[in-house]
N, C-alpha and C. Protein backbone atom coordinates (compact mmCIF):
# COMPACT_ATOMS: atom_id res chain seq x y z
N MET A 1 0.88 -1.19 -0.01
CA MET A 1 0.01 0.02 -0.01
C MET A 1 0.87 1.18 -0.05
N ARG A 2 0.61 2.24 -0.90
CA ARG A 2 1.32 3.44 -0.88
C ARG A 2 0.45 4.50 -0.26
N ILE A 3 1.09 5.28 0.56
CA ILE A 3 0.33 6.40 1.22
C ILE A 3 1.10 7.64 1.06
N LEU A 4 0.38 8.65 0.75
CA LEU A 4 0.90 10.14 0.71
C LEU A 4 0.41 10.80 1.94
N ILE A 5 1.26 11.28 2.75
CA ILE A 5 0.78 12.12 3.84
C ILE A 5 0.86 13.53 3.40
N ASP A 6 -0.25 14.36 3.55
CA ASP A 6 -0.34 15.73 3.07
C ASP A 6 0.63 16.61 4.01
N THR A 7 1.61 17.05 3.37
CA THR A 7 2.56 17.87 4.21
C THR A 7 2.64 19.35 3.68
N ASN A 8 1.70 19.61 2.78
CA ASN A 8 1.67 20.81 2.06
C ASN A 8 2.93 21.24 1.25
N ILE A 9 3.65 20.17 0.83
CA ILE A 9 4.75 20.41 -0.01
C ILE A 9 4.17 20.39 -1.41
N LEU A 10 4.47 21.48 -2.05
CA LEU A 10 4.01 21.61 -3.46
C LEU A 10 4.85 20.96 -4.48
N PHE A 11 4.22 20.07 -5.38
CA PHE A 11 4.90 19.39 -6.45
C PHE A 11 4.54 20.09 -7.76
N SER A 12 5.31 20.02 -8.84
CA SER A 12 4.99 20.62 -10.13
C SER A 12 3.65 20.08 -10.62
N ALA A 13 2.75 20.82 -11.08
CA ALA A 13 1.55 20.41 -11.60
C ALA A 13 1.75 19.75 -13.05
N VAL A 14 0.98 18.80 -13.37
CA VAL A 14 1.09 18.23 -14.77
C VAL A 14 0.11 19.07 -15.53
N ASP A 15 0.75 19.59 -16.64
CA ASP A 15 0.10 20.48 -17.58
C ASP A 15 -1.28 20.09 -18.00
N HIS A 16 -1.39 18.85 -18.33
CA HIS A 16 -2.71 18.26 -18.87
C HIS A 16 -3.63 17.78 -17.77
N ALA A 17 -3.29 17.88 -16.51
CA ALA A 17 -4.18 17.37 -15.37
C ALA A 17 -5.42 18.00 -15.28
N GLU A 18 -6.46 17.35 -15.06
CA GLU A 18 -7.90 17.79 -14.89
C GLU A 18 -7.86 18.33 -13.49
N LYS A 19 -8.71 19.37 -13.35
CA LYS A 19 -8.90 19.99 -12.06
C LYS A 19 -9.92 19.11 -11.31
N LEU A 20 -9.25 18.49 -10.23
CA LEU A 20 -9.99 17.40 -9.51
C LEU A 20 -10.42 17.90 -8.05
N ILE A 21 -9.74 19.02 -7.67
CA ILE A 21 -9.96 19.48 -6.30
C ILE A 21 -10.39 20.99 -6.23
N ARG A 22 -11.09 21.55 -5.29
CA ARG A 22 -11.58 22.83 -5.36
C ARG A 22 -10.38 23.77 -5.13
N ASP A 23 -9.53 23.60 -4.16
CA ASP A 23 -8.40 24.51 -3.95
C ASP A 23 -7.23 24.38 -4.89
N ALA A 24 -7.12 25.26 -5.64
CA ALA A 24 -6.00 25.20 -6.79
C ALA A 24 -4.66 24.87 -6.07
N LYS A 25 -4.32 25.36 -4.81
CA LYS A 25 -3.07 25.07 -4.19
C LYS A 25 -2.86 23.60 -3.91
N ASP A 26 -3.99 22.86 -3.78
CA ASP A 26 -3.95 21.45 -3.49
C ASP A 26 -3.73 20.56 -4.69
N GLN A 27 -3.94 21.04 -5.92
CA GLN A 27 -3.97 20.38 -7.09
C GLN A 27 -2.56 19.70 -7.36
N PRO A 28 -1.39 20.40 -7.10
CA PRO A 28 -0.18 19.81 -7.29
C PRO A 28 0.11 18.60 -6.47
N ILE A 29 -0.41 18.55 -5.27
CA ILE A 29 -0.27 17.47 -4.29
C ILE A 29 -1.12 16.26 -4.79
N LEU A 30 -2.34 16.62 -5.34
CA LEU A 30 -3.09 15.58 -5.78
C LEU A 30 -2.58 15.03 -7.08
N ASN A 31 -2.02 15.82 -7.89
CA ASN A 31 -1.33 15.34 -9.20
C ASN A 31 -0.14 14.46 -8.78
N ALA A 32 0.70 14.75 -7.90
CA ALA A 32 1.83 13.94 -7.39
C ALA A 32 1.36 12.68 -7.01
N ALA A 33 0.22 12.64 -6.12
CA ALA A 33 -0.37 11.27 -5.63
C ALA A 33 -0.89 10.44 -6.85
N ILE A 34 -1.43 10.94 -7.78
CA ILE A 34 -1.96 10.24 -8.94
C ILE A 34 -0.87 9.71 -9.75
N ILE A 35 0.20 10.59 -10.04
CA ILE A 35 1.27 10.17 -10.80
C ILE A 35 2.05 8.98 -10.13
N SER A 36 2.20 9.29 -8.79
CA SER A 36 2.93 8.23 -7.90
C SER A 36 2.20 6.88 -7.58
N ASP A 37 0.90 6.94 -8.11
CA ASP A 37 -0.01 5.79 -8.00
C ASP A 37 -0.06 5.37 -6.44
N VAL A 38 -0.27 6.44 -5.46
CA VAL A 38 -0.57 6.15 -4.06
C VAL A 38 -1.92 5.61 -3.97
N ASP A 39 -2.05 4.86 -2.89
CA ASP A 39 -3.42 4.17 -2.67
C ASP A 39 -4.29 5.22 -1.66
N ILE A 40 -3.62 5.92 -0.81
CA ILE A 40 -4.26 6.67 0.20
C ILE A 40 -3.56 8.01 0.43
N ILE A 41 -4.33 9.09 0.46
CA ILE A 41 -3.81 10.50 0.82
C ILE A 41 -4.45 10.52 2.24
N LEU A 42 -3.35 10.62 3.21
CA LEU A 42 -3.79 10.83 4.69
C LEU A 42 -3.73 12.18 5.00
N THR A 43 -4.82 12.88 5.29
CA THR A 43 -4.89 14.31 5.40
C THR A 43 -6.04 14.76 6.32
N GLY A 44 -5.94 15.94 6.81
CA GLY A 44 -7.05 16.60 7.52
C GLY A 44 -7.71 17.66 6.72
N ASP A 45 -7.18 17.87 5.52
CA ASP A 45 -7.57 18.98 4.70
C ASP A 45 -8.99 18.71 4.17
N LYS A 46 -9.86 19.57 4.40
CA LYS A 46 -11.35 19.51 4.10
C LYS A 46 -11.50 19.36 2.43
N ASP A 47 -10.71 19.94 1.76
CA ASP A 47 -10.81 20.02 0.28
C ASP A 47 -10.54 18.58 -0.29
N PHE A 48 -9.44 17.83 0.35
CA PHE A 48 -9.07 16.63 -0.10
C PHE A 48 -10.14 15.66 0.38
N LEU A 49 -10.58 15.77 1.68
CA LEU A 49 -11.53 14.84 2.23
C LEU A 49 -12.90 14.93 1.61
N SER A 50 -13.26 16.05 0.78
CA SER A 50 -14.49 16.08 0.11
C SER A 50 -14.42 15.74 -1.17
N CYS A 51 -13.20 15.49 -1.80
CA CYS A 51 -13.02 14.80 -3.08
C CYS A 51 -13.64 13.50 -3.20
N ASP A 52 -14.21 13.30 -4.27
CA ASP A 52 -15.02 11.93 -4.48
C ASP A 52 -14.26 11.10 -5.38
N LEU A 53 -13.04 10.76 -4.98
CA LEU A 53 -12.12 9.90 -5.65
C LEU A 53 -12.08 8.50 -5.19
N GLU A 54 -11.96 7.45 -6.04
CA GLU A 54 -11.83 6.17 -5.56
C GLU A 54 -10.30 5.91 -5.44
N HIS A 55 -9.51 6.49 -6.32
CA HIS A 55 -8.05 6.21 -6.19
C HIS A 55 -7.26 7.47 -6.70
N PRO A 56 -6.54 8.07 -5.76
CA PRO A 56 -6.39 7.61 -4.39
C PRO A 56 -7.41 7.98 -3.49
N LYS A 57 -7.59 7.22 -2.39
CA LYS A 57 -8.63 7.48 -1.40
C LYS A 57 -8.13 8.53 -0.51
N CYS A 58 -8.85 9.55 -0.28
CA CYS A 58 -8.42 10.54 0.78
C CYS A 58 -9.14 10.35 2.05
N ILE A 59 -8.53 10.07 3.09
CA ILE A 59 -8.99 9.84 4.40
C ILE A 59 -8.27 10.56 5.45
N ASN A 60 -8.92 10.70 6.68
CA ASN A 60 -8.12 11.25 7.74
C ASN A 60 -7.58 10.09 8.64
N VAL A 61 -6.90 10.58 9.70
CA VAL A 61 -6.13 9.63 10.59
C VAL A 61 -7.15 8.59 11.23
N ALA A 62 -8.29 9.16 11.73
CA ALA A 62 -9.25 8.25 12.30
C ALA A 62 -9.75 7.20 11.38
N GLN A 63 -10.07 7.61 10.08
CA GLN A 63 -10.49 6.62 9.14
C GLN A 63 -9.45 5.67 8.86
N PHE A 64 -8.18 6.06 8.82
CA PHE A 64 -7.09 5.17 8.60
C PHE A 64 -6.92 4.21 9.64
N PHE A 65 -6.97 4.62 10.96
CA PHE A 65 -6.84 3.54 12.06
C PHE A 65 -7.95 2.67 11.99
N GLU A 66 -9.32 3.04 11.63
CA GLU A 66 -10.33 2.13 11.39
C GLU A 66 -9.96 1.09 10.29
N LEU A 67 -9.66 1.74 9.20
CA LEU A 67 -9.35 0.81 8.07
C LEU A 67 -8.32 -0.21 8.34
N GLU A 68 -7.23 0.16 9.10
CA GLU A 68 -6.27 -0.84 9.52
C GLU A 68 -6.51 -1.64 10.70
N GLY A 69 -7.63 -1.38 11.49
CA GLY A 69 -7.95 -2.11 12.64
C GLY A 69 -7.11 -1.63 13.80
N ILE A 70 -6.75 -0.37 13.75
CA ILE A 70 -5.90 0.18 14.89
C ILE A 70 -6.79 0.84 15.89
N GLU A 71 -6.68 0.60 17.27
CA GLU A 71 -7.46 1.30 18.19
C GLU A 71 -6.68 2.58 18.60
N GLU A 72 -7.33 3.66 18.67
CA GLU A 72 -6.73 5.04 19.07
C GLU A 72 -6.33 4.97 20.47
């Protein structure tokens, strides 16, 4: 499983990438996740969490713990 933790580090945007997220500042991070074929973006950012993407899946820490069967 590949996981990208949202650290607000900006990656160069792909010129032909479709706008998939509301906040334009988040698009390069999403582009990097898609290009890197990550499975999960672990974030607290509401724009990522409101994305209706199947891959990569955008979830928060509590959802990740639940997915992995980890008790908080």
